Amino acid sequence: MALPVLCTYSRMLLQEHFDAPNDMALKPGDNVVISTRRGTEVGRVAAQPGTTELRRDEAVAGKVLRKAAPEDMALKREELVRFRSPQALKDARRLVSELRLAMKIEDMEETLDRGKYIFYFTAEGRVDFRELVRRMGNQLGRRIELRQIGARDVARLSGDVDTCGEELCCKSFLIDFIPVSMKMAKNQDMSLDKSKVSGICGRLKCCLKYEDDLYTELRKTVPLQGQPVKVDGKDGWVFAVNILNQMVTVDLNGTREDFPVSAITFDRMAEREVRAFQRERWAEIQRVRDERMARRDQKKVGGAPAAPVQERPEDRDEPRGENDDPAVGEENQRHADEGADDVRDDGPDGDGAENSEPSGDSPGSQGERQEGDRGPRRRNRGRRRGGGSRRGSDGGGWRPPEGGALAGGQAPQGN
């Protein structure tokens, strides 16, 4: 009578039950030669014979032919070495490129009897590869099997070590992939950055599932972070929670202390209630802060509203003019009054009319300005450079100053 034995085979870590003779002494870890649906292969016993039962929808996959001999293991090792850079894999990828199929050949393996090639490929959808199988069979001279796999299976075939320093779980012992969600990372207080909790396959790490049940059970005895609690009759709120050590850091009016879960009193709250409590707490903190700021400002001004500060000329950014300095302004006004008495302008009728605009360019006035005015000069637009020359009242030609002639007895030419 045959006894079902659970065995693992193939690089994809397929695990099925096989019938083994009763007189064959097998134990977990033994290498055996098995007959599968794909052909003759080398497998490994995964459990003690007779300790596992078949599922209702599972049937025996084949038979255990014998224990693996050294020659069988040598053939297996030869296959692994030969298919690190096989010509068959290169030919298959070339045919895929020629047929322009939306698929990628990832890896391949060969049965122990060398009668069949199994190719593993990835694709976003379903691919019609019947023509590809026909051409590959004619060119390679073997039976061909194509199997579509996912991102986790690719890591199982080509991966090695993960960030933890251990061999990939899916490559060493993990047979069936388990669903993993970001909620598991949050439940274990891990980073919610997907790049930090993802494996080399780009998916969430399978190990997030291993301790999720333990964290779920321990969270039932600790309060949520941020919720109100009481310690020895004092009100506080939870600043941090150490789930594994069952310790809680409580904020007691600004002082934070660690307490065991058994030393605090709290009521079970939902997350939305904790968020509402935190909003109220921060609103109260902001109100107290605003009141302190108002009292401080009132104390600075002696209880009266602060008077507006008037800007002084020396505080301005632009350069200060002559009229900004009172001493310079009075000196300039005196020079302007003295120049107005000496400078006259003859009108068209020949009568002299007193001009209220000072020339400001006479030698005497320039000397006095240099002695008394040390500030920046006032910009007078429209003034001609030179001596005390002026235009006539009619806006016409040049008029000499009072005296009628220049030094040298020559009058300048008209314009």
Protein backbone atom coordinates (compact mmCIF):
# COMPACT_ATOMS: atom_id res chain seq x y z
CA MET A 1 0.00 0.00 0.00
CA ALA A 2 1.33 3.45 -0.97
CA LEU A 3 1.72 6.21 1.55
CA PRO A 4 1.26 9.86 0.45
CA VAL A 5 4.38 11.97 0.98
CA LEU A 6 4.55 15.72 0.65
CA CYS A 7 7.45 16.71 -1.64
CA THR A 8 8.77 19.97 -3.02
CA TYR A 9 10.26 20.16 -6.52
CA SER A 10 11.10 22.58 -9.33
CA ARG A 11 12.72 25.99 -8.99
CA MET A 12 9.23 27.40 -8.47
CA LEU A 13 8.97 25.41 -5.21
CA LEU A 14 5.93 23.44 -6.29
CA GLN A 15 4.64 21.30 -3.43
CA GLU A 16 2.40 18.27 -3.93
CA HIS A 17 1.73 14.82 -2.56
CA PHE A 18 3.28 11.72 -4.13
CA ASP A 19 2.68 8.05 -3.42
CA ALA A 20 5.71 6.37 -1.84
CA PRO A 21 6.14 2.61 -1.16
CA ASN A 22 5.69 1.57 2.45
CA ASP A 23 9.08 -0.11 2.56
CA MET A 24 10.88 3.13 1.56
CA ALA A 25 12.24 4.84 4.67
CA LEU A 26 11.91 8.57 4.09
CA LYS A 27 12.37 11.56 6.34
CA PRO A 28 12.12 15.33 5.81
CA GLY A 29 15.01 16.67 3.73
CA ASP A 30 15.68 13.49 1.73
CA ASN A 31 16.21 13.92 -2.01
CA VAL A 32 13.99 11.66 -4.11
CA VAL A 33 13.33 11.03 -7.79
CA ILE A 34 9.65 11.60 -8.54
CA SER A 35 7.41 11.17 -11.56
CA THR A 36 5.37 14.33 -12.18
CA ARG A 37 3.02 15.52 -14.88
CA ARG A 38 5.97 17.25 -16.52
CA GLY A 39 8.32 14.27 -16.45
CA THR A 40 10.98 12.81 -14.18
CA GLU A 41 12.37 15.31 -11.70
CA VAL A 42 14.33 15.54 -8.47
CA GLY A 43 12.38 16.60 -5.39
CA ARG A 44 12.78 16.86 -1.63
CA VAL A 45 10.64 15.42 1.13
CA ALA A 46 8.92 18.31 2.92
CA ALA A 47 7.20 16.45 5.79
CA GLN A 48 7.26 13.14 7.59
CA PRO A 49 5.34 10.55 5.58
CA GLY A 50 1.83 10.01 6.89
CA THR A 51 1.69 13.29 8.87
CA THR A 52 -0.05 15.36 6.18
CA GLU A 53 -3.42 14.88 4.57
CA LEU A 54 -4.60 15.75 1.09
CA ARG A 55 -7.03 18.57 0.69
CA ARG A 56 -10.46 17.81 -0.67
CA ASP A 57 -9.65 19.30 -4.05
CA GLU A 58 -6.16 17.78 -4.21
CA ALA A 59 -5.13 14.57 -5.87
CA VAL A 60 -1.85 12.65 -5.79
CA ALA A 61 0.47 14.25 -8.35
CA GLY A 62 2.66 11.20 -9.06
CA LYS A 63 4.90 8.56 -7.55
CA VAL A 64 8.14 8.47 -5.68
CA LEU A 65 10.40 6.30 -7.83
CA ARG A 66 13.45 6.02 -5.62
CA LYS A 67 15.82 7.93 -3.42
CA ALA A 68 18.05 10.24 -5.39
CA ALA A 69 21.47 8.78 -6.11
CA PRO A 70 24.65 10.85 -6.43
CA GLU A 71 24.35 10.49 -10.20
CA ASP A 72 20.89 12.05 -10.11
CA MET A 73 22.11 14.99 -8.06
CA ALA A 74 25.05 15.43 -10.42
CA LEU A 75 22.64 15.70 -13.35
CA LYS A 76 20.60 18.24 -11.40
CA ARG A 77 23.66 20.36 -10.66
CA GLU A 78 24.73 20.09 -14.30
CA GLU A 79 21.36 21.41 -15.36
CA LEU A 80 21.64 24.41 -13.03
CA VAL A 81 25.13 25.25 -14.26
CA ARG A 82 24.24 24.79 -17.92
CA PHE A 83 21.17 26.96 -17.80
CA ARG A 84 22.83 29.99 -16.25
CA SER A 85 23.41 31.22 -19.82
CA PRO A 86 21.69 28.64 -22.06
CA GLN A 87 21.50 28.85 -25.81
CA ALA A 88 17.89 27.62 -25.64
CA LEU A 89 16.93 30.69 -23.58
CA LYS A 90 18.56 32.99 -26.12
CA ASP A 91 16.77 31.27 -29.01
CA ALA A 92 13.42 31.56 -27.23
CA ARG A 93 13.88 35.29 -26.64
CA ARG A 94 14.86 35.78 -30.27
CA LEU A 95 11.69 34.02 -31.47
CA VAL A 96 9.57 36.20 -29.16
CA SER A 97 11.16 39.28 -30.71
CA GLU A 98 10.56 38.00 -34.25
CA LEU A 99 6.89 37.28 -33.55
CA ARG A 100 6.53 40.65 -31.75
CA LEU A 101 4.74 39.16 -28.76
CA ALA A 102 4.05 41.32 -25.69
CA MET A 103 5.83 38.98 -23.29
CA LYS A 104 9.25 38.52 -21.69
CA ILE A 105 11.01 35.20 -21.15
CA GLU A 106 12.39 35.32 -17.60
CA ASP A 107 13.98 31.91 -17.03
CA MET A 108 13.72 28.21 -17.87
CA GLU A 109 14.43 24.75 -16.48
CA GLU A 110 14.72 21.19 -17.79
CA THR A 111 13.38 17.93 -16.49
CA LEU A 112 15.78 15.27 -15.22
CA ASP A 113 15.21 13.01 -18.24
CA ARG A 114 15.92 16.01 -20.54
CA GLY A 115 12.74 15.47 -22.45
CA LYS A 116 11.05 18.82 -21.74
CA TYR A 117 11.88 22.52 -21.45
CA ILE A 118 9.76 24.71 -19.16
CA PHE A 119 9.91 28.44 -19.93
CA TYR A 120 8.64 31.09 -17.48
CA PHE A 121 7.46 34.41 -18.88
CA THR A 122 5.78 37.62 -17.71
CA ALA A 123 3.12 39.60 -19.57
CA GLU A 124 0.56 42.25 -18.72
CA GLY A 125 -2.31 40.27 -20.22
CA ARG A 126 -3.10 37.06 -22.02
CA VAL A 127 -0.80 36.15 -24.91
CA ASP A 128 -1.46 33.78 -27.79
CA PHE A 129 1.82 31.86 -27.94
CA ARG A 130 0.76 28.80 -29.96
CA GLU A 131 2.91 29.78 -32.92
CA LEU A 132 5.82 30.42 -30.55
CA VAL A 133 5.50 26.93 -29.03
CA ARG A 134 5.44 25.33 -32.49
CA ARG A 135 8.58 27.15 -33.64
CA MET A 136 10.44 26.52 -30.37
CA GLY A 137 9.64 22.79 -30.52
CA ASN A 138 10.93 22.53 -34.09
CA GLN A 139 14.13 24.44 -33.35
CA LEU A 140 15.02 23.03 -29.91
CA GLY A 141 13.86 19.46 -30.46
CA ARG A 142 12.13 19.17 -27.07
CA ARG A 143 8.64 19.30 -25.69
CA ILE A 144 7.88 22.88 -24.71
CA GLU A 145 5.85 24.24 -21.79
CA LEU A 146 5.22 27.94 -21.26
CA ARG A 147 4.06 29.14 -17.84
CA GLN A 148 3.08 32.72 -17.02
CA ILE A 149 4.32 34.04 -13.66
CA GLY A 150 4.08 37.24 -11.61
CA ALA A 151 6.53 39.67 -10.02
CA ARG A 152 6.95 37.58 -6.85
CA ASP A 153 7.73 34.49 -8.92
CA VAL A 154 10.39 36.42 -10.82
CA ALA A 155 12.07 37.27 -7.52
CA ARG A 156 11.87 33.59 -6.55
CA LEU A 157 13.67 32.59 -9.75
CA SER A 158 16.32 35.31 -9.95
CA GLY A 159 16.50 36.81 -6.45
CA ASP A 160 19.08 36.08 -3.82
CA VAL A 161 19.23 38.14 -0.58
CA ASP A 162 16.90 40.82 0.72
CA THR A 163 17.66 43.92 2.82
CA CYS A 164 17.54 41.88 6.03
CA GLY A 165 20.60 39.94 4.91
CA GLU A 166 18.73 36.62 4.71
CA GLU A 167 17.82 34.59 1.66
CA LEU A 168 14.48 35.50 0.14
CA CYS A 169 11.56 33.83 1.88
CA CYS A 170 9.92 33.01 -1.44
CA LYS A 171 13.10 31.26 -2.59
CA SER A 172 13.95 29.35 0.59
CA PHE A 173 10.77 28.14 2.31
CA LEU A 174 7.67 30.17 1.38
CA ILE A 175 5.52 27.95 -0.81
CA ASP A 176 2.27 29.89 -1.17
CA PHE A 177 2.18 33.66 -1.45
CA ILE A 178 -0.03 35.31 1.14
CA PRO A 179 -1.91 38.60 0.67
CA VAL A 180 -0.12 41.55 2.27
CA SER A 181 -1.54 45.06 2.76
CA MET A 182 -0.23 48.42 3.95
CA LYS A 183 -2.52 48.10 6.98
CA MET A 184 -0.17 45.42 8.33
CA ALA A 185 2.77 47.84 8.23
CA LYS A 186 0.70 50.47 10.04
CA ASN A 187 -0.40 47.92 12.64
CA GLN A 188 3.27 47.20 13.43
CA ASP A 189 4.25 50.91 13.61
CA MET A 190 6.47 50.60 10.56
CA SER A 191 7.22 53.23 7.95
CA LEU A 192 4.37 53.86 5.52
CA ASP A 193 6.86 54.67 2.77
CA LYS A 194 6.24 51.94 0.24
CA SER A 195 9.87 51.90 -0.88
CA LYS A 196 10.95 50.93 2.66
CA VAL A 197 8.49 48.08 3.14
CA SER A 198 8.76 46.60 -0.37
CA GLY A 199 10.97 43.73 -1.45
CA ILE A 200 13.11 43.35 -4.54
CA CYS A 201 9.99 42.30 -6.45
CA GLY A 202 8.49 45.76 -5.94
CA ARG A 203 5.62 44.38 -3.84
CA LEU A 204 5.08 44.61 -0.10
CA LYS A 205 7.33 42.25 1.83
CA CYS A 206 5.80 38.89 2.63
CA CYS A 207 7.30 39.01 6.15
CA LEU A 208 4.83 41.75 7.12
CA LYS A 209 2.30 38.97 7.58
CA TYR A 210 4.39 36.91 9.99
CA GLU A 211 3.91 39.08 13.12
CA ASP A 212 0.71 40.84 12.17
CA ASP A 213 -1.48 38.51 14.24
CA LEU A 214 0.70 39.04 17.33
CA TYR A 215 0.53 42.85 17.01
CA THR A 216 -3.21 42.69 16.49
CA GLU A 217 -3.62 40.71 19.71
CA LEU A 218 -1.31 42.96 21.77
CA ARG A 219 -3.01 46.15 20.58
CA LYS A 220 -6.20 45.10 22.32
CA THR A 221 -4.61 45.85 25.72
CA VAL A 222 -2.99 49.25 25.01
CA PRO A 223 -4.55 52.68 24.37
CA LEU A 224 -4.29 54.50 21.09
CA GLN A 225 -1.62 57.12 20.60
CA GLY A 226 -3.01 60.56 21.42
CA GLN A 227 -6.01 59.50 23.49
CA PRO A 228 -6.66 60.80 27.04
CA VAL A 229 -5.71 58.58 30.00
CA LYS A 230 -5.43 58.82 33.78
CA VAL A 231 -2.43 57.92 35.94
CA ASP A 232 -2.89 58.02 39.74
CA GLY A 233 -5.86 60.34 39.32
CA LYS A 234 -3.94 62.76 37.04
CA ASP A 235 -5.18 63.53 33.54
CA GLY A 236 -2.81 63.08 30.63
CA TRP A 237 -2.64 61.85 27.07
CA VAL A 238 -0.70 59.08 25.34
CA PHE A 239 2.45 60.36 23.66
CA ALA A 240 3.86 56.99 22.49
CA VAL A 241 3.11 53.29 22.77
CA ASN A 242 5.55 50.36 22.88
CA ILE A 243 3.37 47.44 21.94
CA LEU A 244 5.85 44.60 22.42
CA ASN A 245 6.95 45.81 25.87
CA GLN A 246 3.42 46.90 26.82
CA MET A 247 4.72 50.33 27.94
CA VAL A 248 3.01 53.69 27.43
CA THR A 249 4.59 57.16 27.46
CA VAL A 250 2.11 59.60 29.02
CA ASP A 251 2.24 63.39 28.83
CA LEU A 252 1.20 64.85 32.20
CA ASN A 253 0.91 68.60 31.70
CA GLY A 254 4.16 68.79 29.75
CA THR A 255 6.03 66.09 31.71
CA ARG A 256 6.42 62.76 29.93
CA GLU A 257 6.86 59.53 31.86
CA ASP A 258 6.77 55.83 30.99
CA PHE A 259 4.19 53.60 32.66
CA PRO A 260 3.18 49.97 32.21
CA VAL A 261 -0.23 49.42 30.72
CA SER A 262 -1.51 48.06 34.03
CA ALA A 263 -0.78 51.40 35.79
CA ILE A 264 -2.98 53.59 33.61
CA THR A 265 -6.74 53.91 33.25
CA PHE A 266 -8.38 54.57 29.90
CA ASP A 267 -11.52 53.92 27.89
CA ARG A 268 -11.52 52.33 24.49
CA MET A 269 -11.82 55.02 21.80
CA ALA A 270 -12.12 55.01 18.04
CA GLU A 271 -9.49 56.74 15.93
CA ARG A 272 -11.89 59.50 14.89
CA GLU A 273 -12.61 60.25 18.55
CA VAL A 274 -8.89 60.47 19.29
CA ARG A 275 -8.42 62.89 16.39
CA ALA A 276 -11.28 65.05 17.65
CA PHE A 277 -9.72 65.12 21.14
CA GLN A 278 -6.37 66.19 19.71
CA ARG A 279 -7.99 69.01 17.70
CA GLU A 280 -9.68 70.34 20.82
CA ARG A 281 -6.44 70.10 22.80
CA TRP A 282 -4.45 72.03 20.20
CA ALA A 283 -7.18 74.66 19.94
CA GLU A 284 -7.00 75.20 23.71
CA ILE A 285 -3.18 75.46 23.54
CA GLN A 286 -3.43 78.06 20.79
CA ARG A 287 -6.00 80.07 22.75
CA VAL A 288 -3.80 80.16 25.86
CA ARG A 289 -0.82 81.14 23.75
CA ASP A 290 -2.72 84.03 22.15
CA GLU A 291 -3.81 85.29 25.56
CA ARG A 292 -0.23 85.29 26.82
CA MET A 293 0.96 87.21 23.78
CA ALA A 294 -1.79 89.79 24.26
CA ARG A 295 -0.93 90.30 27.95
CA ARG A 296 2.75 90.65 27.13
CA ASP A 297 2.09 93.28 24.46
CA GLN A 298 -0.21 95.21 26.80
CA LYS A 299 2.41 95.17 29.52
CA LYS A 300 5.02 96.63 27.17
CA VAL A 301 2.89 99.70 26.30
CA GLY A 302 1.72 100.25 29.87
CA GLY A 303 -1.87 99.28 29.31
CA ALA A 304 -2.45 101.77 26.48
CA PRO A 305 -2.56 100.92 22.79
CA ALA A 306 0.79 101.32 21.09
CA ALA A 307 1.20 104.70 19.32
CA PRO A 308 2.07 104.61 15.62
CA VAL A 309 5.77 105.17 14.97
CA GLN A 310 6.50 108.14 12.71
CA GLU A 311 9.22 107.68 10.15
CA ARG A 312 12.18 110.04 10.55
CA PRO A 313 14.16 111.37 7.58
CA GLU A 314 17.35 109.68 8.77
CA ASP A 315 15.53 106.32 8.75
CA ARG A 316 14.67 106.54 5.08
CA ASP A 317 16.52 104.49 2.54
CA GLU A 318 16.83 107.26 -0.09
CA PRO A 319 19.54 110.00 0.22
CA ARG A 320 18.59 113.07 2.20
CA GLY A 321 18.00 116.32 0.33
CA GLU A 322 19.07 119.86 1.20
CA ASN A 323 15.73 120.87 2.69
CA ASP A 324 15.92 117.96 5.17
CA ASP A 325 18.65 119.77 7.13
CA PRO A 326 17.29 123.00 8.72
CA ALA A 327 20.70 124.72 8.88
CA VAL A 328 21.47 124.08 5.22
CA GLY A 329 17.97 125.17 4.17
CA GLU A 330 18.28 128.59 5.88
CA GLU A 331 21.74 129.17 4.34
CA ASN A 332 20.46 128.35 0.85
CA GLN A 333 17.45 130.61 1.27
CA ARG A 334 19.74 133.53 2.30
CA HIS A 335 21.93 133.07 -0.79
CA ALA A 336 18.83 132.95 -2.99
CA ASP A 337 17.54 136.27 -1.56
CA GLU A 338 20.92 138.01 -2.11
CA GLY A 339 21.15 136.81 -5.71
CA ALA A 340 17.64 138.03 -6.52
CA ASP A 341 18.64 141.65 -5.73
CA ASP A 342 21.64 141.67 -8.14
CA VAL A 343 20.25 139.79 -11.14
CA ARG A 344 17.83 141.67 -13.41
CA ASP A 345 16.29 140.75 -16.74
CA ASP A 346 15.54 143.40 -19.39
CA GLY A 347 12.19 142.80 -20.98
CA PRO A 348 11.35 143.60 -24.60
CA ASP A 349 10.22 147.12 -23.76
CA GLY A 350 13.65 147.99 -22.32
CA ASP A 351 12.39 148.40 -18.78
CA GLY A 352 14.20 146.38 -16.17
CA ALA A 353 11.95 144.01 -14.25
CA GLU A 354 13.02 142.33 -11.11
CA ASN A 355 13.37 138.57 -11.54
CA SER A 356 12.41 136.48 -8.53
CA GLU A 357 14.41 133.46 -9.81
CA PRO A 358 17.99 133.52 -8.52
CA SER A 359 20.74 132.72 -10.97
CA GLY A 360 22.72 130.73 -8.44
CA ASP A 361 25.83 130.74 -10.71
CA SER A 362 27.53 134.02 -9.86
CA PRO A 363 31.09 133.77 -8.56
CA GLY A 364 30.17 135.24 -5.22
CA SER A 365 27.27 132.94 -4.68
CA GLN A 366 29.32 129.89 -5.67
CA GLY A 367 32.02 130.80 -3.12
CA GLU A 368 29.50 131.32 -0.41
CA ARG A 369 27.81 128.03 -1.27
CA GLN A 370 31.08 126.18 -0.99
CA GLU A 371 31.75 127.65 2.43
CA GLY A 372 28.29 127.14 3.93
CA ASP A 373 26.73 124.25 2.01
CA ARG A 374 28.39 120.90 2.59
CA GLY A 375 25.31 118.78 1.81
CA PRO A 376 24.27 117.39 -1.59
CA ARG A 377 23.38 119.95 -4.28
CA ARG A 378 19.84 120.51 -5.35
CA ARG A 379 19.06 119.30 -8.82
CA ASN A 380 17.83 122.17 -11.01
CA ARG A 381 16.52 120.96 -14.34
CA GLY A 382 16.71 123.19 -17.40
CA ARG A 383 19.71 125.33 -16.27
CA ARG A 384 22.47 125.93 -18.82
CA ARG A 385 26.03 125.27 -17.84
CA GLY A 386 28.55 128.13 -17.91
CA GLY A 387 28.67 131.67 -16.55
CA GLY A 388 25.76 133.86 -15.66
CA SER A 389 24.31 133.70 -19.19
CA ARG A 390 20.56 133.72 -19.62
CA ARG A 391 18.11 133.52 -22.45
CA GLY A 392 15.92 136.42 -23.26
CA SER A 393 12.41 136.70 -22.09
CA ASP A 394 11.23 136.03 -25.63
CA GLY A 395 13.03 132.65 -25.67
CA GLY A 396 15.24 133.89 -28.54
CA GLY A 397 18.99 134.49 -28.79
CA TRP A 398 21.60 134.87 -26.13
CA ARG A 399 21.56 137.89 -23.83
CA PRO A 400 24.66 139.11 -21.97
CA PRO A 401 24.49 139.82 -18.30
CA GLU A 402 24.27 143.35 -17.01
CA GLY A 403 27.28 145.27 -18.34
CA GLY A 404 26.75 144.45 -22.00
CA ALA A 405 30.07 142.78 -22.86
CA LEU A 406 32.25 139.85 -21.95
CA ALA A 407 35.88 139.98 -20.92
CA GLY A 408 37.96 140.75 -23.98
CA GLY A 409 35.38 143.05 -25.54
CA GLN A 410 33.98 140.41 -27.94
CA ALA A 411 30.42 139.29 -28.04
CA PRO A 412 29.69 135.67 -28.90
CA GLN A 413 28.16 134.81 -32.21
CA GLY A 414 24.45 134.30 -32.35
CA ASN A 415 22.99 130.83 -32.45
